[in-house]
Amino acid sequence: MTVNINHSHLWLIKFCQHAAAVEVNTLAKSVVLPCSVTLEDRKDLSVVWRRKDLNPSVIHFKEQGRDDLDTQNQNFRGRTSVSDSLQENGLASLTLSEPRLNDSGTYTCIIRREGKDLVVLNKLGHAPRAPLITILTPE
């Protein structure tokens, strides 16, 4: 999907999202939620992963290559990482370690520049459905 957004310049953005739903067993060591964008200019990008049903809703925030976890939801402390490849190749996938039953939900990936949202994974017209994680208990 290609979206044109005008923020004083015309940006060509291509959003790629490969998995709309992920099922994970609680015995799994981790789960990766994909998020990637193709931009002509990848300078000064940030990524925010959120779950709207939580307060605070921030799962992971990475600004210009540095993790900023001051506003992170306590349930995810020490269990998340975002790939370092956003500036180089547009990858902003979230890795969630030690998945728990209460991690089930809809996750939103937001790509930003200078505090302005460029791509919102779950916003109608911008991209396909947001990644949904379902955590399963072993039988």
C-alpha atoms as a PDB file:
ATOM      1  CA  MET A   1       0.000   0.000   0.000  1.00  0.00           C
ATOM      2  CA  THR A   2       1.332   3.460  -0.873  1.00  0.00           C
ATOM      3  CA  VAL A   3       0.219   6.600   0.944  1.00  0.00           C
ATOM      4  CA  ASN A   4       1.099  10.184   0.140  1.00  0.00           C
ATOM      5  CA  ILE A   5       1.281  12.519   3.140  1.00  0.00           C
ATOM      6  CA  ASN A   6       2.062  16.216   2.952  1.00  0.00           C
ATOM      7  CA  HIS A   7       3.983  17.776   5.858  1.00  0.00           C
ATOM      8  CA  SER A   8       5.536  20.687   3.921  1.00  0.00           C
ATOM      9  CA  HIS A   9       7.077  18.054   1.614  1.00  0.00           C
ATOM     10  CA  LEU A  10       5.548  15.209  -0.317  1.00  0.00           C
ATOM     11  CA  TRP A  11       6.657  11.883   1.155  1.00  0.00           C
ATOM     12  CA  LEU A  12       6.265   8.569  -0.587  1.00  0.00           C
ATOM     13  CA  ILE A  13       5.551   5.969   2.046  1.00  0.00           C
ATOM     14  CA  LYS A  14       5.103   2.273   1.525  1.00  0.00           C
ATOM     15  CA  PHE A  15       3.983   0.310   4.540  1.00  0.00           C
ATOM     16  CA  CYS A  16       4.582  -3.422   4.692  1.00  0.00           C
ATOM     17  CA  GLN A  17       2.904  -5.574   7.267  1.00  0.00           C
ATOM     18  CA  HIS A  18       3.230  -9.299   6.813  1.00  0.00           C
ATOM     19  CA  ALA A  19       1.301 -10.838   9.708  1.00  0.00           C
ATOM     20  CA  ALA A  20      -2.102  -9.614  10.840  1.00  0.00           C
ATOM     21  CA  ALA A  21      -2.457 -12.217  13.595  1.00  0.00           C
ATOM     22  CA  VAL A  22       0.097 -14.104  15.647  1.00  0.00           C
ATOM     23  CA  GLU A  23      -0.652 -17.003  17.948  1.00  0.00           C
ATOM     24  CA  VAL A  24       2.005 -17.791  20.523  1.00  0.00           C
ATOM     25  CA  ASN A  25       2.273 -20.478  23.169  1.00  0.00           C
ATOM     26  CA  THR A  26       3.165 -19.230  26.675  1.00  0.00           C
ATOM     27  CA  LEU A  27       6.214 -21.521  26.501  1.00  0.00           C
ATOM     28  CA  ALA A  28       7.631 -19.468  23.615  1.00  0.00           C
ATOM     29  CA  LYS A  29      10.737 -17.427  24.423  1.00  0.00           C
ATOM     30  CA  SER A  30       9.616 -14.467  22.311  1.00  0.00           C
ATOM     31  CA  VAL A  31       7.347 -13.220  19.539  1.00  0.00           C
ATOM     32  CA  VAL A  32       8.180 -10.724  16.775  1.00  0.00           C
ATOM     33  CA  LEU A  33       5.581  -8.293  15.437  1.00  0.00           C
ATOM     34  CA  PRO A  34       6.655  -6.987  12.032  1.00  0.00           C
ATOM     35  CA  CYS A  35       6.573  -3.312  11.097  1.00  0.00           C
ATOM     36  CA  SER A  36       8.435  -1.790   8.175  1.00  0.00           C
ATOM     37  CA  VAL A  37       8.222   1.297   5.982  1.00  0.00           C
ATOM     38  CA  THR A  38       9.842   2.441   2.774  1.00  0.00           C
ATOM     39  CA  LEU A  39      10.629   6.158   2.800  1.00  0.00           C
ATOM     40  CA  GLU A  40      12.794   8.229   0.512  1.00  0.00           C
ATOM     41  CA  ASP A  41      14.233   9.976   3.572  1.00  0.00           C
ATOM     42  CA  ARG A  42      14.692   7.802   6.690  1.00  0.00           C
ATOM     43  CA  LYS A  43      16.512  10.448   8.750  1.00  0.00           C
ATOM     44  CA  ASP A  44      15.280  11.300  12.239  1.00  0.00           C
ATOM     45  CA  LEU A  45      12.597   8.597  12.425  1.00  0.00           C
ATOM     46  CA  SER A  46      11.058   7.312  15.628  1.00  0.00           C
ATOM     47  CA  VAL A  47       8.771   4.358  16.308  1.00  0.00           C
ATOM     48  CA  VAL A  48       6.098   3.926  18.964  1.00  0.00           C
ATOM     49  CA  TRP A  49       4.419   0.604  19.645  1.00  0.00           C
ATOM     50  CA  ARG A  50       1.111   0.956  21.545  1.00  0.00           C
ATOM     51  CA  ARG A  51      -1.886  -0.953  22.825  1.00  0.00           C
ATOM     52  CA  LYS A  52      -4.881   1.364  23.114  1.00  0.00           C
ATOM     53  CA  ASP A  53      -6.563  -0.854  25.709  1.00  0.00           C
ATOM     54  CA  LEU A  54      -3.751  -0.253  28.236  1.00  0.00           C
ATOM     55  CA  ASN A  55      -2.892   2.722  30.441  1.00  0.00           C
ATOM     56  CA  PRO A  56      -0.232   3.810  29.798  1.00  0.00           C
ATOM     57  CA  SER A  57      -0.565   2.575  26.226  1.00  0.00           C
ATOM     58  CA  VAL A  58       3.142   2.710  25.259  1.00  0.00           C
ATOM     59  CA  ILE A  59       4.715  -0.725  24.785  1.00  0.00           C
ATOM     60  CA  HIS A  60       8.024   0.574  23.365  1.00  0.00           C
ATOM     61  CA  PHE A  61       9.272   3.958  22.136  1.00  0.00           C
ATOM     62  CA  LYS A  62      12.461   4.341  20.138  1.00  0.00           C
ATOM     63  CA  GLU A  63      13.487   7.843  19.102  1.00  0.00           C
ATOM     64  CA  GLN A  64      16.189   8.289  16.479  1.00  0.00           C
ATOM     65  CA  GLY A  65      17.817   4.982  17.360  1.00  0.00           C
ATOM     66  CA  ARG A  66      17.630   5.320  21.173  1.00  0.00           C
ATOM     67  CA  ASP A  67      15.163   3.559  23.451  1.00  0.00           C
ATOM     68  CA  ASP A  68      13.061   5.955  25.551  1.00  0.00           C
ATOM     69  CA  LEU A  69      11.156   3.774  27.989  1.00  0.00           C
ATOM     70  CA  ASP A  70      10.117   6.403  30.571  1.00  0.00           C
ATOM     71  CA  THR A  71       6.456   6.145  29.515  1.00  0.00           C
ATOM     72  CA  GLN A  72       6.457   2.373  28.931  1.00  0.00           C
ATOM     73  CA  ASN A  73       3.682   0.298  30.473  1.00  0.00           C
ATOM     74  CA  GLN A  74       5.094  -1.484  33.547  1.00  0.00           C
ATOM     75  CA  ASN A  75       3.869  -4.906  32.334  1.00  0.00           C
ATOM     76  CA  PHE A  76       6.375  -4.751  29.474  1.00  0.00           C
ATOM     77  CA  ARG A  77       9.473  -3.499  31.330  1.00  0.00           C
ATOM     78  CA  GLY A  78      12.545  -5.484  30.354  1.00  0.00           C
ATOM     79  CA  ARG A  79      10.607  -7.602  27.845  1.00  0.00           C
ATOM     80  CA  THR A  80      10.584  -5.497  24.669  1.00  0.00           C
ATOM     81  CA  SER A  81      13.025  -4.419  21.999  1.00  0.00           C
ATOM     82  CA  VAL A  82      12.670  -2.734  18.620  1.00  0.00           C
ATOM     83  CA  SER A  83      15.024  -3.503  15.767  1.00  0.00           C
ATOM     84  CA  ASP A  84      17.812  -0.964  15.202  1.00  0.00           C
ATOM     85  CA  SER A  85      17.236  -0.940  11.442  1.00  0.00           C
ATOM     86  CA  LEU A  86      14.651   1.854  11.092  1.00  0.00           C
ATOM     87  CA  GLN A  87      17.106   4.493   9.852  1.00  0.00           C
ATOM     88  CA  GLU A  88      18.934   2.062   7.521  1.00  0.00           C
ATOM     89  CA  ASN A  89      16.210  -0.103   5.987  1.00  0.00           C
ATOM     90  CA  GLY A  90      12.874   0.911   7.507  1.00  0.00           C
ATOM     91  CA  LEU A  91      12.442  -2.049   9.891  1.00  0.00           C
ATOM     92  CA  ALA A  92      10.770  -1.313  13.235  1.00  0.00           C
ATOM     93  CA  SER A  93       9.685  -4.772  14.354  1.00  0.00           C
ATOM     94  CA  LEU A  94       8.820  -5.309  18.015  1.00  0.00           C
ATOM     95  CA  THR A  95      10.232  -8.322  19.860  1.00  0.00           C
ATOM     96  CA  LEU A  96       8.278  -9.270  22.971  1.00  0.00           C
ATOM     97  CA  SER A  97      10.106 -11.682  25.276  1.00  0.00           C
ATOM     98  CA  GLU A  98       8.474 -14.190  27.609  1.00  0.00           C
ATOM     99  CA  PRO A  99       4.904 -13.753  26.303  1.00  0.00           C
ATOM    100  CA  ARG A 100       2.166 -13.870  28.940  1.00  0.00           C
ATOM    101  CA  LEU A 101      -1.586 -14.441  28.666  1.00  0.00           C
ATOM    102  CA  ASN A 102      -2.294 -10.759  29.345  1.00  0.00           C
ATOM    103  CA  ASP A 103      -0.098  -9.796  26.359  1.00  0.00           C
ATOM    104  CA  SER A 104      -2.958 -10.841  24.058  1.00  0.00           C
ATOM    105  CA  GLY A 105      -4.292  -7.825  22.212  1.00  0.00           C
ATOM    106  CA  THR A 106      -4.007  -5.474  19.250  1.00  0.00           C
ATOM    107  CA  TYR A 107      -0.701  -3.666  18.853  1.00  0.00           C
ATOM    108  CA  THR A 108      -0.197  -0.475  16.840  1.00  0.00           C
ATOM    109  CA  CYS A 109       3.080   0.565  15.191  1.00  0.00           C
ATOM    110  CA  ILE A 110       3.506   4.312  14.620  1.00  0.00           C
ATOM    111  CA  ILE A 111       6.399   5.752  12.607  1.00  0.00           C
ATOM    112  CA  ARG A 112       7.137   9.408  13.400  1.00  0.00           C
ATOM    113  CA  ARG A 113       9.399  12.230  12.338  1.00  0.00           C
ATOM    114  CA  GLU A 114       9.845  15.271  14.560  1.00  0.00           C
ATOM    115  CA  GLY A 115       6.809  14.289  16.649  1.00  0.00           C
ATOM    116  CA  LYS A 116       4.475  13.980  13.637  1.00  0.00           C
ATOM    117  CA  ASP A 117       2.927  10.624  12.739  1.00  0.00           C
ATOM    118  CA  LEU A 118       3.921   9.494   9.237  1.00  0.00           C
ATOM    119  CA  VAL A 119       2.474   5.977   9.318  1.00  0.00           C
ATOM    120  CA  VAL A 120      -0.042   4.523  11.748  1.00  0.00           C
ATOM    121  CA  LEU A 121      -0.464   0.793  11.268  1.00  0.00           C
ATOM    122  CA  ASN A 122      -4.014   0.643  12.593  1.00  0.00           C
ATOM    123  CA  LYS A 123      -5.425   3.800  10.984  1.00  0.00           C
ATOM    124  CA  LEU A 124      -7.984   3.270   8.233  1.00  0.00           C
ATOM    125  CA  GLY A 125      -6.586   3.993   4.796  1.00  0.00           C
ATOM    126  CA  HIS A 126      -2.949   3.848   5.874  1.00  0.00           C
ATOM    127  CA  ALA A 127      -2.278   0.163   6.296  1.00  0.00           C
ATOM    128  CA  PRO A 128      -3.835  -3.239   6.830  1.00  0.00           C
ATOM    129  CA  ARG A 129      -5.079  -4.458  10.197  1.00  0.00           C
ATOM    130  CA  ALA A 130      -2.827  -4.083  13.217  1.00  0.00           C
ATOM    131  CA  PRO A 131      -0.954  -7.123  14.501  1.00  0.00           C
ATOM    132  CA  LEU A 132      -3.024  -9.151  16.932  1.00  0.00           C
ATOM    133  CA  ILE A 133      -1.289 -11.445  19.405  1.00  0.00           C
ATOM    134  CA  THR A 134      -3.116 -14.345  20.984  1.00  0.00           C
ATOM    135  CA  ILE A 135      -1.226 -16.070  23.791  1.00  0.00           C
ATOM    136  CA  LEU A 136      -2.115 -19.724  24.235  1.00  0.00           C
ATOM    137  CA  THR A 137      -1.483 -21.982  27.211  1.00  0.00           C
ATOM    138  CA  PRO A 138       0.099 -25.367  26.460  1.00  0.00           C
ATOM    139  CA  GLU A 139      -2.265 -28.328  26.510  1.00  0.00           C
END
